[in-house]
Protein backbone atom coordinates (compact mmCIF):
# COMPACT_ATOMS: atom_id res chain seq x y z
CA MET A 1 178.25 52.36 147.66
CA THR A 2 178.47 55.29 149.12
CA GLY A 3 177.00 57.25 152.35
CA PHE A 4 175.33 60.35 152.37
CA ARG A 5 174.59 63.46 154.04
CA VAL A 6 171.03 64.86 154.80
CA VAL A 7 169.96 68.68 154.63
CA ARG A 8 167.40 70.21 154.81
CA ALA A 9 165.62 72.12 151.48
CA GLU A 10 165.86 75.68 152.87
CA ARG A 11 169.43 75.38 154.40
CA LEU A 12 170.63 73.97 151.31
CA GLU A 13 168.84 76.80 149.35
CA ALA A 14 170.34 79.41 151.62
CA PHE A 15 173.58 77.54 151.20
CA VAL A 16 173.48 77.82 147.06
CA ARG A 17 172.30 81.36 147.44
CA ASP A 18 175.15 82.79 149.23
CA LEU A 19 177.70 80.93 147.43
CA VAL A 20 176.44 82.38 144.07
CA SER A 21 176.29 85.33 145.65
CA ALA A 22 179.61 85.55 146.41
CA MET A 23 180.95 84.24 142.79
CA GLY A 24 178.98 87.48 142.01
CA ALA A 25 175.99 87.13 141.32
CA ASP A 26 173.49 89.58 142.46
CA ASP A 27 170.58 88.73 145.09
CA GLU A 28 167.98 88.26 142.06
CA VAL A 29 169.82 85.81 140.13
CA ALA A 30 171.95 84.10 143.27
CA ALA A 31 167.56 83.23 144.81
CA GLU A 32 166.80 81.75 140.97
CA VAL A 33 169.68 79.65 140.24
CA ALA A 34 169.61 78.71 144.22
CA ARG A 35 165.69 77.96 144.01
CA HIS A 36 166.35 75.79 140.61
CA LEU A 37 169.32 73.46 141.63
CA VAL A 38 167.23 72.71 144.82
CA ARG A 39 163.60 72.44 143.81
CA ALA A 40 165.46 69.69 141.48
CA ASN A 41 167.16 67.93 144.23
CA LEU A 42 163.68 68.04 146.00
CA SER A 43 162.12 66.80 143.10
CA GLY A 44 164.20 63.82 142.82
CA HIS A 45 167.02 64.63 140.01
CA ASP A 46 170.00 64.88 141.75
CA SER A 47 171.53 64.94 138.58
CA HIS A 48 170.63 68.64 137.93
CA GLY A 49 170.13 69.55 141.18
CA VAL A 50 173.29 70.85 143.69
CA LEU A 51 175.97 68.48 142.72
CA ARG A 52 175.96 70.81 139.45
CA ILE A 53 177.76 73.77 141.59
CA PRO A 54 181.52 72.44 141.00
CA ARG A 55 181.14 72.63 137.35
CA TYR A 56 179.36 76.31 137.19
CA VAL A 57 182.60 77.35 139.13
CA GLN A 58 185.14 76.00 136.60
CA GLN A 59 182.98 77.70 133.82
CA VAL A 60 183.32 80.76 136.19
CA ASP A 61 186.83 80.37 136.21
CA GLU A 62 186.91 79.20 132.53
CA GLY A 63 185.30 82.47 131.38
CA THR A 64 182.10 80.46 130.04
CA ILE A 65 179.89 81.87 133.20
CA VAL A 66 179.88 85.46 134.06
CA PRO A 67 177.97 85.52 137.35
CA SER A 68 177.43 89.13 137.43
CA ALA A 69 175.72 88.98 134.15
CA ARG A 70 172.19 88.99 132.64
CA PRO A 71 170.94 87.79 129.87
CA ALA A 72 169.11 90.77 126.89
CA LEU A 73 166.63 91.02 124.97
CA VAL A 74 167.61 91.60 121.71
CA HIS A 75 164.86 91.14 119.44
CA GLU A 76 160.72 90.85 119.99
CA ARG A 77 157.86 91.52 117.17
CA ASP A 78 154.68 90.02 118.70
CA GLY A 79 154.83 87.30 119.79
CA VAL A 80 157.86 86.62 119.34
CA ALA A 81 161.79 87.26 121.35
CA VAL A 82 164.91 86.62 121.22
CA PHE A 83 166.86 87.06 123.87
CA GLU A 84 170.98 86.68 124.30
CA GLY A 85 173.07 84.70 127.35
CA ARG A 86 175.93 87.06 127.71
CA GLY A 87 177.32 84.26 129.67
CA SER A 88 174.25 85.06 132.01
CA PHE A 89 173.82 81.69 134.66
CA GLY A 90 171.26 79.81 131.97
CA HIS A 91 168.51 78.99 134.73
CA TYR A 92 168.15 83.08 135.32
CA ALA A 93 167.98 83.34 131.73
CA THR A 94 166.14 81.12 130.62
CA ALA A 95 163.42 81.92 133.55
CA ARG A 96 163.49 84.85 132.18
CA ALA A 97 162.51 84.31 128.40
CA LEU A 98 159.80 81.65 130.25
CA GLU A 99 158.28 84.85 131.81
CA TRP A 100 158.51 87.13 128.37
CA ALA A 101 156.35 84.35 126.69
CA MET A 102 153.82 83.49 129.66
CA THR A 103 153.44 87.24 129.79
CA ARG A 104 152.71 87.58 126.26
CA ALA A 105 150.76 84.58 125.38
CA GLN A 106 148.32 86.00 127.88
CA GLY A 107 147.44 88.79 125.63
CA HIS A 108 148.51 87.10 122.03
CA GLY A 109 146.92 83.54 123.18
CA LEU A 110 150.52 82.36 122.33
CA ALA A 111 154.22 83.32 122.43
CA VAL A 112 157.70 81.93 121.80
CA ALA A 113 160.82 83.23 123.69
CA SER A 114 164.34 81.57 122.10
CA LEU A 115 167.25 81.92 124.26
CA ARG A 116 170.93 82.01 122.07
CA HIS A 117 174.39 81.05 123.38
CA PRO A 118 172.84 79.94 127.56
CA THR A 119 175.25 77.67 129.60
CA HIS A 120 173.64 75.10 131.45
CA ILE A 121 169.92 76.07 132.06
CA GLY A 122 169.33 73.16 134.96
CA ARG A 123 166.29 70.60 134.61
CA LEU A 124 163.85 72.08 131.81
CA GLY A 125 160.99 70.69 133.40
CA GLU A 126 161.27 73.71 136.01
CA TYR A 127 159.80 75.79 133.11
CA THR A 128 157.18 73.62 131.84
CA GLU A 129 155.91 73.18 136.05
CA ARG A 130 155.73 76.80 136.44
CA ALA A 131 154.01 78.20 133.06
CA ALA A 132 151.99 74.63 134.08
CA GLU A 133 150.76 75.92 137.46
CA ALA A 134 149.55 79.69 135.75
CA ASP A 135 146.81 77.49 133.82
CA LEU A 136 149.35 77.40 130.57
CA VAL A 137 150.79 75.09 128.36
CA ALA A 138 154.45 74.80 127.38
CA VAL A 139 156.81 73.26 125.31
CA VAL A 140 161.05 74.21 126.02
CA THR A 141 164.21 72.52 124.51
CA VAL A 142 167.84 73.23 124.59
CA GLY A 143 169.70 71.17 121.98
CA MET A 144 173.20 71.89 120.90
CA VAL A 145 175.24 69.99 117.48
CA GLY A 146 177.99 70.44 116.62
CA GLU A 147 181.67 68.76 115.85
CA GLY A 148 183.46 68.78 119.36
CA LEU A 149 180.49 67.93 121.44
CA ARG A 150 181.90 65.21 123.99
CA LEU A 151 178.28 63.83 124.63
CA ALA A 152 175.68 61.79 122.61
CA ILE A 153 176.43 60.01 119.53
CA PRO A 154 174.14 60.26 116.54
CA PHE A 155 172.40 56.78 116.00
CA GLY A 156 174.72 54.69 113.23
CA GLY A 157 177.22 57.29 114.38
CA GLY A 158 180.72 56.82 116.04
CA VAL A 159 181.89 60.37 117.13
CA PRO A 160 179.29 62.48 119.31
CA ALA A 161 178.00 65.29 117.48
CA LEU A 162 175.06 65.96 119.99
CA GLY A 163 173.87 66.91 123.38
CA THR A 164 171.36 65.23 125.58
CA ASN A 165 169.17 68.08 123.92
CA PRO A 166 166.02 67.16 126.41
CA TRP A 167 162.43 68.28 125.58
CA SER A 168 159.81 69.19 128.25
CA MET A 169 156.26 69.51 127.91
CA GLY A 170 153.31 70.71 130.68
CA VAL A 171 149.91 71.10 130.40
CA PRO A 172 147.93 72.28 133.58
CA GLY A 173 145.17 70.40 134.72
CA ALA A 174 141.85 70.55 137.05
CA ARG A 175 141.72 68.86 140.74
CA GLY A 176 145.98 69.28 140.17
CA ARG A 177 146.10 66.76 137.20
CA ARG A 178 148.82 68.87 135.87
CA VAL A 179 151.04 66.48 133.77
CA VAL A 180 155.12 67.92 133.49
CA PHE A 181 157.00 65.41 130.74
CA ASP A 182 160.86 65.86 130.76
CA ALA A 183 163.56 63.79 129.20
CA ALA A 184 166.89 63.30 127.39
CA THR A 185 167.13 62.40 124.14
CA THR A 186 169.53 60.34 125.43
CA VAL A 187 169.02 57.29 127.04
CA VAL A 188 170.55 59.34 130.33
CA ALA A 189 171.27 62.52 130.93
CA GLU A 190 174.74 63.25 131.44
CA GLY A 191 173.34 64.51 134.97
CA LYS A 192 172.76 60.89 135.77
CA VAL A 193 176.21 59.39 134.89
CA LEU A 194 177.99 61.83 137.10
CA PHE A 195 175.10 61.83 139.94
CA ALA A 196 176.62 57.61 139.45
CA ARG A 197 180.21 58.34 140.09
CA ASP A 198 179.15 60.79 142.80
CA ARG A 199 177.90 57.71 144.42
CA SER A 200 180.16 55.38 143.28
CA GLY A 201 177.52 53.54 141.36
CA GLN A 202 177.29 51.54 137.73
CA LEU A 203 175.25 52.84 135.26
CA PRO A 204 173.21 50.21 133.75
CA PRO A 205 173.12 48.65 130.48
CA GLY A 206 173.12 50.54 127.27
CA CYS A 207 173.81 53.70 128.34
CA ILE A 208 177.34 54.79 127.42
CA VAL A 209 180.27 53.40 125.49
CA THR A 210 183.58 53.92 125.93
CA ALA A 211 186.34 55.83 123.56
CA ASP A 212 186.62 53.11 121.30
CA GLY A 213 182.98 52.38 121.17
CA ARG A 214 183.10 49.63 123.90
CA PRO A 215 179.71 48.95 125.93
CA SER A 216 180.32 50.32 129.74
CA GLN A 217 178.88 50.96 132.64
CA ASP A 218 181.25 52.56 134.84
CA PRO A 219 180.47 56.32 134.72
CA GLU A 220 184.49 57.18 134.48
CA ASP A 221 184.43 55.57 131.36
CA PHE A 222 182.48 58.11 129.88
CA TYR A 223 184.40 61.43 131.36
CA ASN A 224 187.29 59.39 129.57
CA GLY A 225 186.19 59.91 126.20
CA GLY A 226 183.42 58.17 125.89
CA ALA A 227 179.89 59.02 124.73
CA LEU A 228 176.14 58.72 126.25
CA LEU A 229 173.44 56.77 123.34
CA PRO A 230 170.40 57.86 122.16
CA LEU A 231 166.95 57.18 123.50
CA GLY A 232 165.58 53.79 121.75
CA GLY A 233 169.19 52.00 121.60
CA GLN A 234 169.60 49.51 118.60
CA VAL A 235 166.53 48.77 118.01
CA ALA A 236 164.78 52.41 118.14
CA GLY A 237 167.88 55.01 118.29
CA HIS A 238 166.63 56.72 115.37
CA LYS A 239 163.97 58.37 117.39
CA GLY A 240 166.35 59.52 120.28
CA SER A 241 169.07 60.78 118.07
CA GLY A 242 165.87 62.22 115.96
CA LEU A 243 164.52 64.33 118.64
CA ALA A 244 168.06 65.48 119.18
CA LEU A 245 168.74 66.98 116.14
CA MET A 246 165.01 68.82 115.67
CA SER A 247 165.74 70.52 119.43
CA ALA A 248 168.83 71.82 118.34
CA LEU A 249 167.41 73.14 115.58
CA PHE A 250 164.18 74.44 117.06
CA GLY A 251 167.04 76.06 119.59
CA GLY A 252 168.52 77.26 116.80
CA LEU A 253 165.76 79.77 115.67
CA ALA A 254 167.36 82.51 117.69
CA LEU A 255 170.48 82.14 115.58
CA ALA A 256 168.66 83.38 112.50
CA GLY A 257 169.97 86.91 114.04
CA ASP A 258 172.96 85.80 114.91
CA HIS A 259 175.39 86.77 111.91
CA ARG A 260 178.80 85.10 113.16
CA SER A 261 180.59 83.29 109.98
CA PRO A 262 180.45 79.49 109.58
CA ALA A 263 183.80 77.78 109.88
CA ASP A 264 186.95 78.42 107.51
CA ASP A 265 186.80 75.24 106.34
CA GLY A 266 183.22 75.63 105.13
CA ARG A 267 181.33 73.64 107.92
CA ALA A 268 178.51 74.26 109.68
CA ARG A 269 179.58 76.34 113.18
CA ARG A 270 178.20 74.66 116.47
CA VAL A 271 174.11 75.34 116.66
CA THR A 272 173.32 75.35 120.51
CA GLY A 273 169.97 77.83 122.04
CA VAL A 274 166.93 77.29 123.61
CA PHE A 275 163.18 77.12 123.02
CA VAL A 276 160.10 78.09 124.45
CA LEU A 277 156.37 77.95 123.39
CA VAL A 278 153.36 78.72 125.66
CA VAL A 279 150.04 78.48 124.36
CA ASN A 280 147.01 80.11 126.45
CA PRO A 281 144.15 77.38 126.04
CA ALA A 282 141.23 80.36 127.28
CA TRP A 283 142.00 81.39 123.67
CA PHE A 284 141.25 77.64 122.20
CA GLY A 285 137.97 77.90 124.27
CA GLU A 286 136.45 78.41 127.80
CA ALA A 287 139.84 77.47 130.20
CA GLY A 288 137.66 75.64 132.97
CA SER A 289 136.99 73.40 130.11
CA TYR A 290 140.45 72.01 128.93
CA LEU A 291 141.59 72.06 133.07
CA SER A 292 138.64 69.50 133.37
CA MET A 293 139.16 67.66 130.33
CA VAL A 294 142.58 67.40 130.98
CA ALA A 295 142.32 66.01 134.64
CA ASP A 296 139.33 63.62 133.58
CA THR A 297 141.94 62.08 131.09
CA VAL A 298 144.68 61.90 133.02
CA GLU A 299 142.09 59.87 135.78
CA THR A 300 141.49 57.73 132.83
CA VAL A 301 145.22 56.88 132.39
CA LYS A 302 145.74 56.21 136.08
CA ARG A 303 142.75 53.91 136.24
CA SER A 304 144.43 51.64 133.71
CA PRO A 305 145.09 48.20 135.99
CA PRO A 306 148.97 48.38 136.65
CA ALA A 307 151.40 45.49 135.22
CA ARG A 308 152.20 43.01 138.11
CA GLY A 309 154.76 43.91 140.05
CA VAL A 310 153.82 47.76 139.96
CA GLU A 311 151.46 49.08 142.51
CA GLU A 312 150.20 52.27 140.73
CA VAL A 313 150.43 53.63 137.36
CA LEU A 314 151.63 57.52 137.41
CA VAL A 315 151.83 59.82 134.57
CA ALA A 316 154.20 62.40 134.00
CA GLY A 317 155.41 64.84 136.90
CA GLU A 318 154.17 62.55 139.71
CA PRO A 319 156.87 61.57 140.77
CA GLU A 320 158.69 65.01 141.06
CA GLU A 321 155.55 66.03 142.94
CA ARG A 322 155.72 62.82 145.29
CA SER A 323 159.28 63.60 145.78
CA ARG A 324 158.94 66.79 146.54
CA GLU A 325 156.72 65.73 149.60
CA GLN A 326 159.08 63.42 150.86
CA ARG A 327 162.52 65.27 150.67
CA GLY A 328 160.55 68.30 152.05
CA ARG A 329 159.92 66.43 155.18
CA ASP A 330 162.57 64.45 155.37
CA GLY A 331 165.20 66.03 153.87
CA ILE A 332 167.40 65.72 150.73
CA ARG A 333 170.05 63.20 150.72
CA LEU A 334 173.09 64.28 148.93
CA PRO A 335 176.12 61.33 148.37
CA ASP A 336 179.30 61.65 149.62
CA GLY A 337 180.71 62.08 146.72
CA THR A 338 178.96 65.66 146.15
CA TRP A 339 179.21 66.68 149.72
CA GLU A 340 182.98 66.47 149.40
CA ALA A 341 183.14 67.82 146.05
CA LEU A 342 181.31 70.94 147.24
CA GLU A 343 183.23 71.58 150.47
CA PRO A 344 186.20 73.10 148.86
CA VAL A 345 184.02 75.38 146.86
CA ALA A 346 182.67 76.86 149.93
CA THR A 347 186.14 77.00 151.72
CA ARG A 348 187.20 79.14 148.74
CA PHE A 349 184.21 81.40 148.60
CA GLY A 350 183.64 81.71 152.78
CA VAL A 351 180.30 80.37 152.37
CA PRO A 352 179.69 77.79 155.52
CA MET A 353 178.59 74.28 154.80
CA PRO A 354 174.88 73.51 155.59
CA PRO A 355 174.16 72.05 158.33
CA ALA A 356 173.87 67.90 157.82
CA ARG A 357 173.27 64.64 159.76
């Protein structure tokens, strides 16, 4: 297994902020991207952290990401809004859509914002955590479906046609007992494959197949034309595959006003989009009562006797909270593979690498 470099979170965030600024983003956008990526590392999801930066640079070079761009509000009506990504960093664009929905939910009880043509938006749990911290319920999903997607195979299919299409749901609770669920609709997210490659590791069985459909645990096989498998495997993969399709169709709501034509052969074009729903519990009754109910329910679940070999029953969001506490204290461990991929990017943009041990 590869070695690690340990970096303080605040030093890593300053490094990412300076790097994204050097790419051409303004201060507000750079700060949002840096906060998001480093918080993913702090939360224990290195797959969605700073290891993504070299790929973002590649997308900048290709013109997919335009660092100086900002999302545009193209339509709003009561509690519904549509945003256009315009090539902006997806983290910033989604944060703006979430902010709009949170504000509207205060006055309407609930609000929905959709973002079309997003670039990579990072860790979904980041957005639902923000809503839950404001005592709001949130659902966020980002989905892709269409020919040419080299990510996930539909259940029963032989050719990739789906993205990882994750769903996240956040619920506030009293006494710090909020619940934040965040999961891909594939057995593992693509970033987990990238992280395994960075640390020269293997994947668990049942995560990927090779280009010719054979099971594999080697991350390189995925990047050599392989594909991710749907959550649920051979027995229940229809569940993961179904959730993935619905993710893309929910995200596709933003495309209802995008009148570009389908492909010349009559097939539907690729569908991709972000769907953000925010609900204000106060509109259902007394908000404090709901928050207490959530906390009591979580504590009931946690009182369940743990299985043999398990120390404690954890609910969604707890591992991330504990990771942030530990990594905030001890530093973030970056595999040598991630560090070595960041060095040429730092050199190119004239930004010193952060201090590490």
